[in-house]
Amino acid sequence: MTTINPYSSNYAPGLTAGQTAAQRAQQATGNGTPRDQSPTINTPAVNVTLSAAAQAALKAQTDSRTTDAVVSDARTQMAALLKAAGTKSALDNGDPAIDVSSMDRRTLYAVASNQGGQFPVDQQVVAALALKDQHDTALASPAAQARLTGDYASLYQAALDQMDAAGPEEKSSTAWTTQRAALVEGRKQAIARPGLAPAGIQNDSVAAYMKDAGSIVAGAKTRDFGKVAGDVRTALDKQYELAVSPDAAKDGTSGAIDFRRFDDRSLSAVALNKDEQFSTHEVAQAKAEIRQRDSDAIKSSYQSASDADGGFGKAMITRYAGMTTEERQASGWTPAVYSKMVELQAASDKLASMFNADGSTAGPPSMLDFL
């Protein structure tokens, strides 16, 4: 984190949670006038440490590049990363082949949103995953605090700060506008009902994050799969002991099993049952839950991306790339399915490139152009 020294005896007075990260960062630095500049009085300095969100917001505010310049920078950086990795594609069988974490958010967004039509789908997918990682990292700590203390207002403020650190291209998008409005409503609910998680808000990225990352099994995404399965077994047995609803499962042989607190990889441990720790009923219920989650995700992707050229296909490839190996196996997303998605997306991109925005052809077409 960056530390600035404003030589002030006050800690940025007047900061409020309703301000954006950039406004608070500016106010913190703006209040940095000496309280007393007398040569006979030594006033101790106060260091104001800016959060990652505030640093990003300041950087976004001072980024004077044009969109064309951002796109040019992105293409240069992508070319260098691909060359260093010795590959022509940013994806290798659905997994990122290059590390784009060194690219700033505005540059990543230019790639992910295919600004100027300059970036192939594999680069768009890798950039989109990196943007998601930035979002998840920004929410990790305040989300953990919210689970412990019920302070959801601070969690939603952190999400708003992260949103406000976007560049002008991202802020001009419909997605940014709708998601920010959802976060404002979430923070409003959190302040009105302390200790309760906001609910019933469309496009709520915090709620989506809490569902995705709030698994009852710690570190399920990265730990040894066998150990994850063991923790799932323990968690299910405890859940059975505490079950009170008449229809709820009291053991692993019958009843409705509530998998809502289990992330996708933990659920995959039950469905795949590699160590034979789970009953036939548990495996069947887990597979049904996976199918439902997959269906919901595909439907959501289609509804949000169907109006964008190639948006749905890119969303599906991004979903595959974001899965672990076990999640792909449990969902039936095989390498063959991935190859077919890439093939169809390439065909879609080729067709789209042949037409202008008004539907007219970009050049004299022939049947061979469509093949």
Protein backbone atom coordinates (compact mmCIF):
# COMPACT_ATOMS: atom_id res chain seq x y z
CA MET A 1 0.00 0.00 0.00
CA THR A 2 1.14 3.52 -0.73
CA THR A 3 1.79 5.82 2.25
CA ILE A 4 1.63 9.59 1.96
CA ASN A 5 2.75 12.11 4.54
CA PRO A 6 0.51 15.21 4.61
CA TYR A 7 2.24 16.73 7.65
CA SER A 8 -1.06 17.15 9.41
CA SER A 9 -2.05 16.51 13.00
CA ASN A 10 -5.56 15.55 11.88
CA TYR A 11 -6.52 12.27 10.23
CA ALA A 12 -8.34 13.55 7.16
CA PRO A 13 -11.28 15.10 9.01
CA GLY A 14 -14.78 14.93 7.61
CA LEU A 15 -14.44 11.68 5.64
CA THR A 16 -17.75 9.88 5.24
CA ALA A 17 -18.70 6.45 3.99
CA GLY A 18 -20.91 7.99 1.33
CA GLN A 19 -17.98 9.44 -0.56
CA THR A 20 -16.27 7.66 -3.40
CA ALA A 21 -12.79 6.28 -2.90
CA ALA A 22 -11.38 9.05 -5.07
CA GLN A 23 -13.17 11.78 -3.11
CA ARG A 24 -11.92 10.41 0.19
CA ALA A 25 -8.40 10.00 -1.13
CA GLN A 26 -8.43 13.56 -2.45
CA GLN A 27 -9.78 14.86 0.83
CA ALA A 28 -7.14 12.97 2.74
CA THR A 29 -4.37 14.52 0.67
CA GLY A 30 -6.13 17.89 0.44
CA ASN A 31 -6.16 18.29 4.20
CA GLY A 32 -2.43 17.90 4.30
CA THR A 33 -1.46 21.49 5.27
CA PRO A 34 0.78 21.94 8.28
CA ARG A 35 -1.01 22.86 11.47
CA ASP A 36 1.88 25.06 12.54
CA GLN A 37 4.86 25.90 10.37
CA SER A 38 6.68 27.76 13.12
CA PRO A 39 10.35 26.80 13.13
CA THR A 40 10.24 26.52 16.93
CA ILE A 41 7.44 23.95 17.06
CA ASN A 42 7.95 20.41 15.92
CA THR A 43 4.59 18.91 14.91
CA PRO A 44 4.71 15.15 14.43
CA ALA A 45 3.62 13.95 10.98
CA VAL A 46 0.59 11.72 10.52
CA ASN A 47 0.82 9.10 7.81
CA VAL A 48 -2.38 8.51 5.87
CA THR A 49 -2.38 5.06 4.28
CA LEU A 50 -4.61 4.74 1.24
CA SER A 51 -6.50 1.53 0.60
CA ALA A 52 -6.02 -0.34 -2.65
CA ALA A 53 -9.39 0.97 -3.83
CA ALA A 54 -8.42 4.58 -3.07
CA GLN A 55 -5.09 4.15 -4.84
CA ALA A 56 -6.86 2.72 -7.88
CA ALA A 57 -9.41 5.54 -7.84
CA LEU A 58 -6.67 8.17 -7.78
CA LYS A 59 -4.83 6.44 -10.58
CA ALA A 60 -8.00 6.30 -12.67
CA GLN A 61 -8.62 10.00 -12.08
CA THR A 62 -5.15 10.99 -13.19
CA ASP A 63 -5.04 8.66 -16.22
CA SER A 64 -5.21 11.13 -19.10
CA ARG A 65 -4.80 8.58 -21.89
CA THR A 66 -7.31 8.54 -24.72
CA THR A 67 -9.20 5.32 -25.40
CA ASP A 68 -7.08 4.78 -28.51
CA ALA A 69 -3.93 5.13 -26.40
CA VAL A 70 -5.24 2.62 -23.86
CA VAL A 71 -6.04 0.15 -26.63
CA SER A 72 -2.57 0.63 -28.13
CA ASP A 73 -0.94 0.05 -24.72
CA ALA A 74 -3.06 -3.06 -24.21
CA ARG A 75 -2.08 -4.51 -27.56
CA THR A 76 1.61 -3.84 -26.86
CA GLN A 77 1.45 -5.46 -23.43
CA MET A 78 -0.50 -8.45 -24.69
CA ALA A 79 1.98 -9.01 -27.51
CA ALA A 80 4.87 -8.89 -25.05
CA LEU A 81 3.20 -11.35 -22.64
CA LEU A 82 2.38 -13.79 -25.43
CA LYS A 83 5.93 -13.60 -26.77
CA ALA A 84 7.41 -14.17 -23.31
CA ALA A 85 5.16 -17.21 -22.83
CA GLY A 86 6.03 -18.57 -26.26
CA THR A 87 2.41 -18.88 -27.33
CA LYS A 88 -0.01 -17.28 -29.77
CA SER A 89 -3.10 -17.78 -27.62
CA ALA A 90 -3.85 -16.43 -24.15
CA LEU A 91 -5.70 -19.68 -23.37
CA ASP A 92 -4.30 -23.19 -23.34
CA ASN A 93 -7.14 -25.74 -23.43
CA GLY A 94 -9.30 -23.34 -21.45
CA ASP A 95 -6.69 -22.34 -18.89
CA PRO A 96 -4.88 -18.95 -18.90
CA ALA A 97 -1.53 -19.27 -20.66
CA ILE A 98 -0.30 -15.81 -19.66
CA ASP A 99 -0.33 -13.76 -16.45
CA VAL A 100 -1.99 -10.38 -17.02
CA SER A 101 -2.03 -9.32 -13.36
CA SER A 102 0.54 -6.58 -14.11
CA MET A 103 -1.94 -4.76 -16.35
CA ASP A 104 -3.99 -1.96 -14.77
CA ARG A 105 -7.75 -2.09 -14.61
CA ARG A 106 -8.42 0.31 -17.46
CA THR A 107 -6.13 -1.62 -19.78
CA LEU A 108 -7.67 -4.93 -18.74
CA TYR A 109 -11.14 -3.56 -19.38
CA ALA A 110 -10.09 -2.45 -22.86
CA VAL A 111 -9.12 -6.03 -23.61
CA ALA A 112 -12.07 -7.70 -21.86
CA SER A 113 -14.61 -5.47 -23.62
CA ASN A 114 -12.76 -5.70 -26.94
CA GLN A 115 -12.39 -1.95 -27.35
CA GLY A 116 -11.97 -1.09 -31.00
CA GLY A 117 -12.41 -4.73 -31.97
CA GLN A 118 -8.68 -5.26 -31.47
CA PHE A 119 -8.60 -8.34 -29.23
CA PRO A 120 -9.42 -12.01 -29.93
CA VAL A 121 -11.75 -13.87 -27.60
CA ASP A 122 -8.96 -15.75 -25.78
CA GLN A 123 -7.42 -12.45 -24.68
CA GLN A 124 -10.83 -11.07 -23.72
CA VAL A 125 -11.48 -14.08 -21.51
CA VAL A 126 -8.14 -13.88 -19.69
CA ALA A 127 -8.62 -10.16 -19.09
CA ALA A 128 -12.17 -10.72 -17.81
CA LEU A 129 -10.89 -13.31 -15.33
CA ALA A 130 -8.22 -10.87 -14.13
CA LEU A 131 -10.86 -8.18 -13.56
CA LYS A 132 -12.89 -10.66 -11.53
CA ASP A 133 -9.81 -11.46 -9.45
CA GLN A 134 -9.35 -7.74 -8.72
CA HIS A 135 -12.98 -7.47 -7.67
CA ASP A 136 -12.82 -10.56 -5.46
CA THR A 137 -9.56 -9.43 -3.83
CA ALA A 138 -11.07 -6.04 -2.99
CA LEU A 139 -14.05 -7.70 -1.28
CA ALA A 140 -12.25 -10.54 0.51
CA SER A 141 -11.34 -8.72 3.74
CA PRO A 142 -14.54 -6.66 4.22
CA ALA A 143 -16.60 -9.77 3.38
CA ALA A 144 -14.84 -11.74 6.10
CA GLN A 145 -15.53 -8.92 8.56
CA ALA A 146 -19.18 -8.78 7.49
CA ARG A 147 -19.62 -12.47 8.23
CA LEU A 148 -18.19 -11.99 11.70
CA THR A 149 -19.69 -8.64 12.69
CA GLY A 150 -22.69 -8.17 10.41
CA ASP A 151 -21.23 -4.92 9.07
CA TYR A 152 -22.61 -5.21 5.55
CA ALA A 153 -22.64 -1.43 5.06
CA SER A 154 -18.84 -1.34 5.02
CA LEU A 155 -18.77 -4.31 2.66
CA TYR A 156 -21.05 -2.55 0.19
CA GLN A 157 -19.02 0.64 0.55
CA ALA A 158 -15.87 -1.30 -0.30
CA ALA A 159 -17.64 -2.64 -3.39
CA LEU A 160 -18.70 0.88 -4.36
CA ASP A 161 -15.12 2.10 -3.94
CA GLN A 162 -13.95 -0.69 -6.20
CA MET A 163 -16.59 0.22 -8.79
CA ASP A 164 -15.68 3.91 -8.67
CA ALA A 165 -12.05 3.11 -9.47
CA ALA A 166 -13.09 2.19 -13.00
CA GLY A 167 -11.92 4.11 -16.04
CA PRO A 168 -14.18 6.21 -18.28
CA GLU A 169 -14.80 3.42 -20.79
CA GLU A 170 -16.05 1.06 -18.10
CA LYS A 171 -18.15 3.77 -16.42
CA SER A 172 -19.92 4.46 -19.71
CA SER A 173 -21.14 0.86 -19.94
CA THR A 174 -24.65 -0.24 -19.03
CA ALA A 175 -23.26 -3.00 -16.83
CA TRP A 176 -21.33 -0.53 -14.67
CA THR A 177 -24.38 1.70 -14.23
CA THR A 178 -26.75 -1.11 -13.26
CA GLN A 179 -24.28 -2.82 -10.92
CA ARG A 180 -23.41 0.42 -9.16
CA ALA A 181 -27.10 1.21 -8.65
CA ALA A 182 -27.49 -2.24 -7.09
CA LEU A 183 -24.60 -1.57 -4.70
CA VAL A 184 -26.08 1.79 -3.66
CA GLU A 185 -29.36 0.02 -2.85
CA GLY A 186 -27.48 -2.70 -0.98
CA ARG A 187 -25.65 -0.18 1.18
CA LYS A 188 -28.93 1.61 1.85
CA GLN A 189 -30.51 -1.64 3.06
CA ALA A 190 -27.45 -2.50 5.15
CA ILE A 191 -27.61 0.85 6.96
CA ALA A 192 -31.36 0.55 7.52
CA ARG A 193 -31.09 -3.03 8.85
CA PRO A 194 -27.77 -3.43 10.67
CA GLY A 195 -26.55 -6.99 10.92
CA LEU A 196 -28.74 -8.29 8.09
CA ALA A 197 -27.46 -9.02 4.61
CA PRO A 198 -29.25 -7.03 1.89
CA ALA A 199 -31.55 -9.16 -0.24
CA GLY A 200 -33.73 -9.10 -3.33
CA ILE A 201 -31.49 -6.79 -5.38
CA GLN A 202 -30.92 -7.54 -9.06
CA ASN A 203 -27.36 -7.27 -10.39
CA ASP A 204 -25.96 -7.29 -6.84
CA SER A 205 -22.29 -8.20 -7.30
CA VAL A 206 -21.72 -8.41 -3.53
CA ALA A 207 -24.46 -11.00 -3.08
CA ALA A 208 -23.02 -12.97 -6.00
CA TYR A 209 -19.56 -12.82 -4.46
CA MET A 210 -20.81 -13.89 -1.02
CA LYS A 211 -22.57 -16.87 -2.58
CA ASP A 212 -19.53 -17.85 -4.61
CA ALA A 213 -16.89 -17.30 -1.93
CA GLY A 214 -18.88 -17.93 1.23
CA SER A 215 -18.49 -21.69 1.30
CA ILE A 216 -18.71 -23.56 4.57
CA VAL A 217 -15.52 -25.35 3.46
CA ALA A 218 -12.46 -23.13 3.86
CA GLY A 219 -10.11 -22.73 0.90
CA ALA A 220 -12.10 -25.12 -1.25
CA LYS A 221 -10.94 -23.61 -4.52
CA THR A 222 -7.24 -24.23 -3.97
CA ARG A 223 -6.76 -27.03 -1.42
CA ASP A 224 -6.12 -30.71 -2.11
CA PHE A 225 -9.34 -32.18 -3.51
CA GLY A 226 -9.29 -35.17 -1.18
CA LYS A 227 -9.04 -32.91 1.87
CA VAL A 228 -11.90 -30.78 0.54
CA ALA A 229 -14.02 -33.93 0.22
CA GLY A 230 -13.21 -34.85 3.83
CA ASP A 231 -14.31 -31.42 5.06
CA VAL A 232 -17.51 -31.69 3.03
CA ARG A 233 -18.22 -35.05 4.65
CA THR A 234 -17.79 -33.53 8.11
CA ALA A 235 -19.93 -30.49 7.24
CA LEU A 236 -22.76 -32.64 5.86
CA ASP A 237 -22.81 -34.89 8.93
CA LYS A 238 -23.02 -31.82 11.17
CA GLN A 239 -25.81 -30.40 9.00
CA TYR A 240 -27.78 -33.62 9.38
CA GLU A 241 -27.47 -33.44 13.18
CA LEU A 242 -28.86 -29.90 13.24
CA ALA A 243 -31.66 -30.43 10.70
CA VAL A 244 -35.15 -29.67 12.06
CA SER A 245 -37.32 -29.22 8.96
CA PRO A 246 -39.54 -32.27 8.28
CA ASP A 247 -38.33 -32.50 4.68
CA ALA A 248 -34.67 -31.89 5.45
CA ALA A 249 -32.19 -34.74 5.21
CA LYS A 250 -31.35 -36.24 8.61
CA ASP A 251 -28.77 -38.58 7.11
CA GLY A 252 -27.27 -39.39 3.74
CA THR A 253 -29.97 -41.82 2.61
CA SER A 254 -33.04 -39.63 2.10
CA GLY A 255 -34.49 -36.14 2.34
CA ALA A 256 -33.65 -32.83 0.72
CA ILE A 257 -29.99 -31.88 1.21
CA ASP A 258 -29.35 -28.15 1.47
CA PHE A 259 -26.20 -27.43 -0.55
CA ARG A 260 -26.55 -23.64 -0.53
CA ARG A 261 -23.55 -23.16 1.77
CA PHE A 262 -21.26 -25.28 -0.40
CA ASP A 263 -19.22 -23.77 -3.25
CA ASP A 264 -19.01 -25.43 -6.66
CA ARG A 265 -15.77 -27.32 -6.02
CA SER A 266 -17.04 -28.69 -2.71
CA LEU A 267 -20.22 -29.76 -4.47
CA SER A 268 -18.09 -31.41 -7.15
CA ALA A 269 -16.38 -33.46 -4.44
CA VAL A 270 -19.74 -35.03 -3.61
CA ALA A 271 -20.84 -35.50 -7.23
CA LEU A 272 -17.56 -37.12 -8.33
CA ASN A 273 -17.22 -39.12 -5.08
CA LYS A 274 -13.63 -40.09 -5.88
CA ASP A 275 -12.91 -41.48 -2.40
CA GLU A 276 -16.36 -43.08 -2.03
CA GLN A 277 -17.20 -41.03 1.05
CA PHE A 278 -20.72 -40.16 -0.07
CA SER A 279 -23.93 -42.14 -0.46
CA THR A 280 -25.80 -42.73 -3.71
CA HIS A 281 -28.49 -40.28 -2.51
CA GLU A 282 -25.93 -37.58 -1.70
CA VAL A 283 -24.23 -37.99 -5.09
CA ALA A 284 -27.57 -37.77 -6.92
CA GLN A 285 -28.62 -34.66 -4.99
CA ALA A 286 -25.24 -33.00 -5.62
CA LYS A 287 -25.46 -33.70 -9.36
CA ALA A 288 -28.96 -32.20 -9.45
CA GLU A 289 -27.72 -29.09 -7.65
CA ILE A 290 -24.83 -28.73 -10.11
CA ARG A 291 -27.21 -29.00 -13.07
CA GLN A 292 -29.45 -26.32 -11.57
CA ARG A 293 -26.55 -23.95 -10.86
CA ASP A 294 -25.19 -24.49 -14.35
CA SER A 295 -28.58 -23.82 -15.88
CA ASP A 296 -29.01 -20.64 -13.83
CA ALA A 297 -25.54 -19.39 -14.81
CA ILE A 298 -26.09 -20.06 -18.51
CA LYS A 299 -29.49 -18.35 -18.41
CA SER A 300 -28.03 -15.34 -16.64
CA SER A 301 -25.16 -15.10 -19.13
CA TYR A 302 -27.54 -15.29 -22.06
CA GLN A 303 -29.85 -12.62 -20.68
CA SER A 304 -27.01 -10.22 -19.91
CA ALA A 305 -24.92 -10.79 -23.02
CA SER A 306 -27.34 -11.72 -25.81
CA ASP A 307 -27.44 -8.17 -27.18
CA ALA A 308 -23.65 -7.90 -27.49
CA ASP A 309 -21.80 -9.32 -30.49
CA GLY A 310 -20.43 -12.68 -29.41
CA GLY A 311 -21.19 -11.83 -25.78
CA PHE A 312 -22.86 -15.12 -24.90
CA GLY A 313 -20.19 -17.28 -26.48
CA LYS A 314 -17.47 -15.32 -24.70
CA ALA A 315 -19.35 -15.66 -21.41
CA MET A 316 -19.47 -19.44 -21.82
CA ILE A 317 -15.75 -19.66 -22.61
CA THR A 318 -15.03 -17.42 -19.62
CA ARG A 319 -17.14 -19.67 -17.41
CA TYR A 320 -15.18 -22.72 -18.54
CA ALA A 321 -11.85 -20.96 -18.00
CA GLY A 322 -12.89 -19.97 -14.49
CA MET A 323 -13.71 -23.53 -13.43
CA THR A 324 -11.36 -25.92 -11.69
CA THR A 325 -10.66 -29.29 -13.30
CA GLU A 326 -13.02 -31.01 -10.86
CA GLU A 327 -15.82 -28.52 -11.50
CA ARG A 328 -15.53 -29.14 -15.23
CA GLN A 329 -15.68 -32.89 -14.71
CA ALA A 330 -18.72 -32.70 -12.45
CA SER A 331 -20.56 -30.35 -14.81
CA GLY A 332 -19.75 -32.33 -17.93
CA TRP A 333 -17.81 -29.43 -19.46
CA THR A 334 -15.30 -31.59 -21.29
CA PRO A 335 -12.35 -30.42 -23.44
CA ALA A 336 -14.46 -31.43 -26.47
CA VAL A 337 -17.23 -29.05 -25.32
CA TYR A 338 -14.67 -26.29 -24.88
CA SER A 339 -13.23 -26.87 -28.36
CA LYS A 340 -16.71 -26.68 -29.87
CA MET A 341 -17.44 -23.41 -28.03
CA VAL A 342 -14.21 -21.88 -29.31
CA GLU A 343 -14.97 -23.07 -32.83
CA LEU A 344 -18.47 -21.59 -32.76
CA GLN A 345 -17.22 -18.33 -31.27
CA ALA A 346 -14.57 -18.02 -33.96
CA ALA A 347 -17.23 -18.52 -36.63
CA SER A 348 -19.47 -15.95 -34.95
CA ASP A 349 -16.63 -13.42 -34.79
CA LYS A 350 -15.80 -14.00 -38.45
CA LEU A 351 -19.40 -13.42 -39.50
CA ALA A 352 -19.70 -10.33 -37.30
CA SER A 353 -16.58 -8.83 -38.86
CA MET A 354 -18.18 -8.95 -42.26
CA PHE A 355 -20.96 -6.53 -41.36
CA ASN A 356 -21.10 -2.92 -40.24
CA ALA A 357 -23.11 -1.74 -37.25
CA ASP A 358 -26.06 -0.83 -39.51
CA GLY A 359 -26.18 -4.32 -41.02
CA SER A 360 -24.51 -3.44 -44.31
CA THR A 361 -21.62 -5.56 -45.51
CA ALA A 362 -18.12 -4.37 -44.70
CA GLY A 363 -16.93 -5.37 -48.17
CA PRO A 364 -17.93 -7.39 -51.23
CA PRO A 365 -18.86 -10.80 -49.74
CA SER A 366 -18.78 -14.23 -51.33
CA MET A 367 -19.94 -17.59 -50.06
CA LEU A 368 -16.33 -18.49 -49.30
CA ASP A 369 -16.20 -15.63 -46.77
CA PHE A 370 -18.77 -17.46 -44.64
CA LEU A 371 -16.86 -20.76 -44.61
